[in-house]
Amino acid sequence: MSTFQKLDSLSGKVAVIIGGNGAVGFTTAKRLAALGATCVLMSRSAQEKGQEQLQLLEGKGHFCLNASITDSPSLMSAAREVEARLGRCDILVNSAGFTKPVPAANLNDLTDELIDDVLKANFRGVFASIRAFEPLLRASGDGLIVNVSSIAGFTGVGSNLAYVAAKASLDIVSESLAKVLAPAIRVLCVSPGVVDSGFVPGRGADFNEKTGATTPLKRIGTPDDVAVAIEACVTHLRFSTGTRIVIDGGRHL
C-alpha cells in the first residue's frame, strides 16, 4: 500500500491521458513526461493527430491510442492495449469532453439531443473510462484518477445547463468513487473556470478579455494552470482524495 509521500520522480509510472491531444491534456502530458512518466495520449483520432506531439514529450515509450469516450468497447480495448504494451496504468487523466454554448434562459435551444450528447461526453464517458482502466489502476496499488471538471458544477453557470449538470454529476460521483476505490486508487477533480483554449465554440479574444477583467486575479486560466494542478495531484497532494481543486483565479467568488 502507498504511504502517500510526495513524489519527486514519476519514473516507471504510466499515465493515460484521455483527451491527450487537447490543450489541457497535452500540456499535462508534457509535465508528467518531464518527471519521467510514460504517457499514452488517447482520443478518437489520437493516432492521426498526435504523432508530432509525441516528439515534444521528454523520455521514451510514449504512444497514441484511438478510443472514443462514448464507445465503451473501444475504451476496454484501449485498456487491454495499454496493459499489453506497458503492463500497467498508474495515472488516469480524464480531460476529454464536449459542449456547445446555449444561454441558460433559452430552454428551447437546449434540445434533447444536445442534452444527451453533453451528458454522454462529460459524464457517462468519464465513468466509462474509469470503469475500463480501474483494474489496472487497482493493480498499481497507488493509482490516481484526475477528472477535469469545472466550476460550472458548483456555480450553476456554464456554457449550457446540461454541461452544468454533467459536471455536478461528475463531482459527486468522484466523491463516491473515492470512497469505494480507496486506498488503492485516489480520485480527484480539478475544476477550472474559463480557460484560454478552443474547448467552447465561439469564445474568442473578446470574451476572454471581458471575463479576465471581471475575475479577481485579472485574467482567465491557461492550459498550464490546469496542468500544474493535475501535476500537483500526482506528486504533492498525495494524501488527498474525493475532493476538488479549484483553478479559476477566483472566478467563482
Protein backbone atom coordinates (compact mmCIF):
# COMPACT_ATOMS: atom_id res chain seq x y z
CA MET A 1 0.00 0.00 0.00
CA SER A 2 1.19 3.52 -0.75
CA THR A 3 2.42 5.71 2.10
CA PHE A 4 1.18 8.74 0.13
CA GLN A 5 4.52 10.52 0.44
CA LYS A 6 5.47 13.26 -2.02
CA LEU A 7 6.84 12.06 -5.35
CA ASP A 8 9.80 13.82 -6.96
CA SER A 9 10.02 11.42 -9.91
CA LEU A 10 7.43 9.57 -11.99
CA SER A 11 9.96 7.19 -13.48
CA GLY A 12 8.31 3.83 -14.08
CA LYS A 13 4.81 5.30 -13.88
CA VAL A 14 2.32 5.14 -16.77
CA ALA A 15 -0.14 7.98 -17.35
CA VAL A 16 -3.11 7.54 -19.67
CA ILE A 17 -4.47 10.92 -20.71
CA ILE A 18 -7.88 10.80 -22.32
CA GLY A 19 -8.25 13.90 -24.44
CA GLY A 20 -4.47 13.86 -24.61
CA ASN A 21 -4.33 15.78 -27.89
CA GLY A 22 -6.28 18.72 -26.48
CA ALA A 23 -4.80 21.83 -24.89
CA VAL A 24 -5.11 20.72 -21.27
CA GLY A 25 -4.42 17.05 -21.95
CA PHE A 26 -1.25 17.58 -23.94
CA THR A 27 0.11 20.25 -21.58
CA THR A 28 -0.43 17.75 -18.77
CA ALA A 29 1.39 15.06 -20.75
CA LYS A 30 4.40 17.36 -21.18
CA ARG A 31 4.57 17.99 -17.44
CA LEU A 32 4.22 14.33 -16.46
CA ALA A 33 6.68 13.17 -19.11
CA ALA A 34 9.23 15.71 -17.86
CA LEU A 35 9.04 13.98 -14.47
CA GLY A 36 9.68 10.58 -16.05
CA ALA A 37 6.22 9.18 -16.71
CA THR A 38 5.40 7.23 -19.85
CA CYS A 39 2.35 8.89 -21.40
CA VAL A 40 -0.41 7.46 -23.56
CA LEU A 41 -2.34 10.13 -25.47
CA MET A 42 -5.86 8.94 -26.18
CA SER A 43 -8.70 10.42 -28.22
CA ARG A 44 -10.96 9.48 -31.11
CA SER A 45 -8.21 10.34 -33.60
CA ALA A 46 -5.07 10.44 -31.46
CA GLN A 47 -3.01 8.34 -33.85
CA GLU A 48 -3.75 10.77 -36.67
CA LYS A 49 -3.31 13.96 -34.61
CA GLY A 50 -0.72 13.06 -32.03
CA GLN A 51 2.41 11.79 -33.76
CA GLU A 52 4.04 15.22 -33.85
CA GLN A 53 3.02 15.83 -30.24
CA LEU A 54 4.82 12.67 -29.17
CA GLN A 55 8.08 14.14 -30.43
CA LEU A 56 7.67 17.03 -27.98
CA LEU A 57 7.49 14.79 -24.92
CA GLU A 58 10.61 14.11 -22.90
CA GLY A 59 11.61 10.49 -22.48
CA LYS A 60 10.72 7.39 -24.46
CA GLY A 61 7.91 4.90 -24.84
CA HIS A 62 5.02 7.35 -25.26
CA PHE A 63 2.35 6.44 -27.79
CA CYS A 64 -1.12 7.38 -29.06
CA LEU A 65 -4.28 5.30 -28.96
CA ASN A 66 -7.59 5.82 -30.68
CA ALA A 67 -10.66 5.37 -28.47
CA SER A 68 -13.93 7.22 -28.03
CA ILE A 69 -15.28 8.07 -24.59
CA THR A 70 -18.78 7.41 -25.91
CA ASP A 71 -17.82 3.92 -27.11
CA SER A 72 -17.17 1.67 -24.11
CA PRO A 73 -15.85 -1.30 -26.13
CA SER A 74 -13.15 0.95 -27.61
CA LEU A 75 -12.16 2.05 -24.10
CA MET A 76 -11.93 -1.56 -22.93
CA SER A 77 -9.82 -2.38 -25.96
CA ALA A 78 -7.55 0.58 -25.21
CA ALA A 79 -7.07 -0.59 -21.63
CA ARG A 80 -6.08 -4.04 -22.88
CA GLU A 81 -3.56 -2.49 -25.28
CA VAL A 82 -2.02 -0.35 -22.53
CA GLU A 83 -1.65 -3.47 -20.40
CA ALA A 84 -0.14 -5.44 -23.29
CA ARG A 85 2.36 -2.73 -24.23
CA LEU A 86 3.24 -1.23 -20.85
CA GLY A 87 1.97 -3.70 -18.27
CA ARG A 88 0.41 -1.09 -16.02
CA CYS A 89 -1.51 2.16 -15.60
CA ASP A 90 -0.86 4.35 -12.56
CA ILE A 91 -2.49 7.64 -13.55
CA LEU A 92 -5.70 8.25 -15.50
CA VAL A 93 -6.46 11.83 -16.53
CA ASN A 94 -9.93 12.45 -17.94
CA SER A 95 -9.65 15.69 -19.91
CA ALA A 96 -11.91 14.91 -22.87
CA GLY A 97 -15.32 16.50 -23.21
CA PHE A 98 -17.79 18.36 -25.38
CA THR A 99 -20.05 21.39 -25.05
CA LYS A 100 -21.93 23.99 -27.05
CA PRO A 101 -22.97 27.43 -25.79
CA VAL A 102 -26.68 27.80 -25.01
CA PRO A 103 -27.87 30.63 -22.72
CA ALA A 104 -29.49 29.28 -19.55
CA ALA A 105 -32.71 31.16 -20.26
CA ASN A 106 -33.03 29.67 -23.74
CA LEU A 107 -34.80 26.44 -22.87
CA ASN A 108 -35.84 25.56 -26.40
CA ASP A 109 -32.30 25.50 -27.81
CA LEU A 110 -31.17 23.03 -25.17
CA THR A 111 -32.64 20.15 -27.14
CA ASP A 112 -32.99 16.55 -26.02
CA GLU A 113 -30.28 15.58 -28.48
CA LEU A 114 -27.82 18.17 -27.17
CA ILE A 115 -28.54 17.19 -23.56
CA ASP A 116 -27.81 13.56 -24.41
CA ASP A 117 -24.60 14.44 -26.27
CA VAL A 118 -23.29 16.63 -23.45
CA LEU A 119 -24.08 14.08 -20.75
CA LYS A 120 -22.59 11.24 -22.79
CA ALA A 121 -19.31 13.06 -23.31
CA ASN A 122 -18.89 14.79 -19.97
CA PHE A 123 -20.36 12.29 -17.52
CA ARG A 124 -21.03 8.86 -18.99
CA GLY A 125 -17.80 8.90 -20.97
CA VAL A 126 -15.69 9.76 -17.93
CA PHE A 127 -17.33 7.00 -15.91
CA ALA A 128 -16.81 4.53 -18.76
CA SER A 129 -13.13 5.49 -18.94
CA ILE A 130 -12.73 4.87 -15.21
CA ARG A 131 -14.57 1.57 -15.49
CA ALA A 132 -12.24 0.43 -18.28
CA PHE A 133 -8.99 1.33 -16.50
CA GLU A 134 -9.98 0.57 -12.91
CA PRO A 135 -8.44 -2.94 -12.86
CA LEU A 136 -5.06 -1.62 -14.00
CA LEU A 137 -5.18 1.29 -11.56
CA ARG A 138 -6.09 -1.07 -8.73
CA ALA A 139 -3.26 -3.43 -9.65
CA SER A 140 -0.86 -0.49 -9.41
CA GLY A 141 -1.71 -0.20 -5.72
CA ASP A 142 -1.06 3.53 -5.94
CA GLY A 143 -3.47 4.58 -8.66
CA LEU A 144 -4.81 8.05 -9.31
CA ILE A 145 -7.77 9.31 -11.31
CA VAL A 146 -7.91 13.04 -12.06
CA ASN A 147 -11.15 14.21 -13.61
CA VAL A 148 -11.11 17.61 -15.28
CA SER A 149 -14.38 19.09 -14.08
CA SER A 150 -15.45 22.75 -13.99
CA ILE A 151 -16.60 25.41 -11.59
CA ALA A 152 -19.86 25.14 -13.55
CA GLY A 153 -20.54 22.04 -11.47
CA PHE A 154 -20.97 24.07 -8.27
CA THR A 155 -21.76 27.59 -9.50
CA GLY A 156 -24.59 26.57 -11.85
CA VAL A 157 -23.15 28.86 -14.51
CA GLY A 158 -21.59 27.40 -17.63
CA SER A 159 -21.77 27.01 -21.38
CA ASN A 160 -25.17 25.35 -21.03
CA LEU A 161 -27.31 23.77 -18.32
CA ALA A 162 -26.61 20.21 -19.47
CA TYR A 163 -22.89 20.92 -19.07
CA VAL A 164 -23.57 22.26 -15.57
CA ALA A 165 -25.49 19.08 -14.73
CA ALA A 166 -22.78 16.83 -16.18
CA LYS A 167 -20.01 18.46 -14.17
CA ALA A 168 -22.07 18.46 -10.96
CA SER A 169 -22.68 14.75 -11.52
CA LEU A 170 -19.01 14.16 -12.15
CA ASP A 171 -18.05 15.93 -8.91
CA ILE A 172 -20.40 13.95 -6.69
CA VAL A 173 -19.70 10.60 -8.34
CA SER A 174 -15.97 11.28 -7.97
CA GLU A 175 -16.59 11.59 -4.23
CA SER A 176 -18.44 8.27 -4.24
CA LEU A 177 -15.68 6.57 -6.21
CA ALA A 178 -13.02 7.96 -3.89
CA LYS A 179 -14.68 6.06 -1.03
CA VAL A 180 -15.11 2.73 -2.77
CA LEU A 181 -11.79 2.67 -4.64
CA ALA A 182 -9.61 3.68 -1.66
CA PRO A 183 -6.93 3.04 -0.63
CA ALA A 184 -5.59 1.56 -3.86
CA ILE A 185 -6.91 4.40 -6.05
CA ARG A 186 -7.31 8.09 -5.26
CA VAL A 187 -9.89 10.20 -7.14
CA LEU A 188 -9.64 13.97 -7.51
CA CYS A 189 -11.37 16.63 -9.59
CA VAL A 190 -9.61 19.68 -10.96
CA SER A 191 -12.15 22.44 -11.58
CA PRO A 192 -11.09 25.28 -13.91
CA GLY A 193 -13.06 28.38 -14.74
CA VAL A 194 -12.68 29.88 -18.20
CA VAL A 195 -9.55 28.53 -19.91
CA ASP A 196 -7.83 30.00 -22.96
CA SER A 197 -8.44 27.11 -25.35
CA GLY A 198 -10.77 26.20 -28.17
CA PHE A 199 -12.96 23.98 -25.98
CA VAL A 200 -16.08 26.17 -26.06
CA PRO A 201 -17.01 27.06 -29.65
CA GLY A 202 -17.45 30.74 -30.36
CA ARG A 203 -15.47 32.06 -27.42
CA GLY A 204 -12.73 34.34 -28.68
CA ALA A 205 -10.38 37.09 -27.52
CA ASP A 206 -13.28 39.47 -26.79
CA PHE A 207 -14.97 37.05 -24.42
CA ASN A 208 -11.66 36.14 -22.76
CA GLU A 209 -10.71 39.79 -22.21
CA LYS A 210 -14.06 40.68 -20.65
CA THR A 211 -14.03 37.58 -18.46
CA GLY A 212 -10.47 38.23 -17.31
CA ALA A 213 -11.32 41.81 -16.35
CA THR A 214 -14.10 40.62 -14.01
CA THR A 215 -12.04 37.80 -12.45
CA PRO A 216 -10.32 38.62 -9.14
CA LEU A 217 -6.85 37.63 -10.39
CA LYS A 218 -7.49 39.65 -13.58
CA ARG A 219 -7.02 37.01 -16.25
CA ILE A 220 -8.56 33.78 -17.45
CA GLY A 221 -6.84 30.45 -16.97
CA THR A 222 -4.29 28.84 -19.25
CA PRO A 223 -3.96 25.14 -20.09
CA ASP A 224 -0.80 25.12 -18.00
CA ASP A 225 -2.66 26.43 -14.95
CA VAL A 226 -4.80 23.30 -15.14
CA ALA A 227 -1.85 21.03 -15.95
CA VAL A 228 0.08 22.34 -12.92
CA ALA A 229 -2.87 21.40 -10.71
CA ILE A 230 -3.03 17.91 -12.21
CA GLU A 231 0.72 17.52 -11.68
CA ALA A 232 0.25 18.55 -8.04
CA CYS A 233 -2.44 15.88 -7.63
CA VAL A 234 0.06 13.31 -8.87
CA THR A 235 3.14 14.46 -6.97
CA HIS A 236 2.29 16.62 -3.94
CA LEU A 237 -1.37 16.30 -2.92
CA ARG A 238 -0.85 12.64 -2.18
CA PHE A 239 -2.97 12.46 0.95
CA SER A 240 -5.98 13.96 -0.83
CA THR A 241 -8.87 12.09 -2.37
CA GLY A 242 -12.54 12.73 -3.03
CA THR A 243 -12.25 16.48 -3.33
CA ARG A 244 -11.97 19.22 -5.93
CA ILE A 245 -9.10 21.60 -6.61
CA VAL A 246 -10.44 24.90 -7.96
CA ILE A 247 -8.21 26.62 -10.53
CA ASP A 248 -10.13 29.70 -11.62
CA GLY A 249 -8.34 32.84 -10.43
CA GLY A 250 -11.23 33.44 -8.06
CA ARG A 251 -13.85 33.41 -10.82
CA HIS A 252 -16.37 31.55 -8.65
CA LEU A 253 -16.31 34.15 -5.87
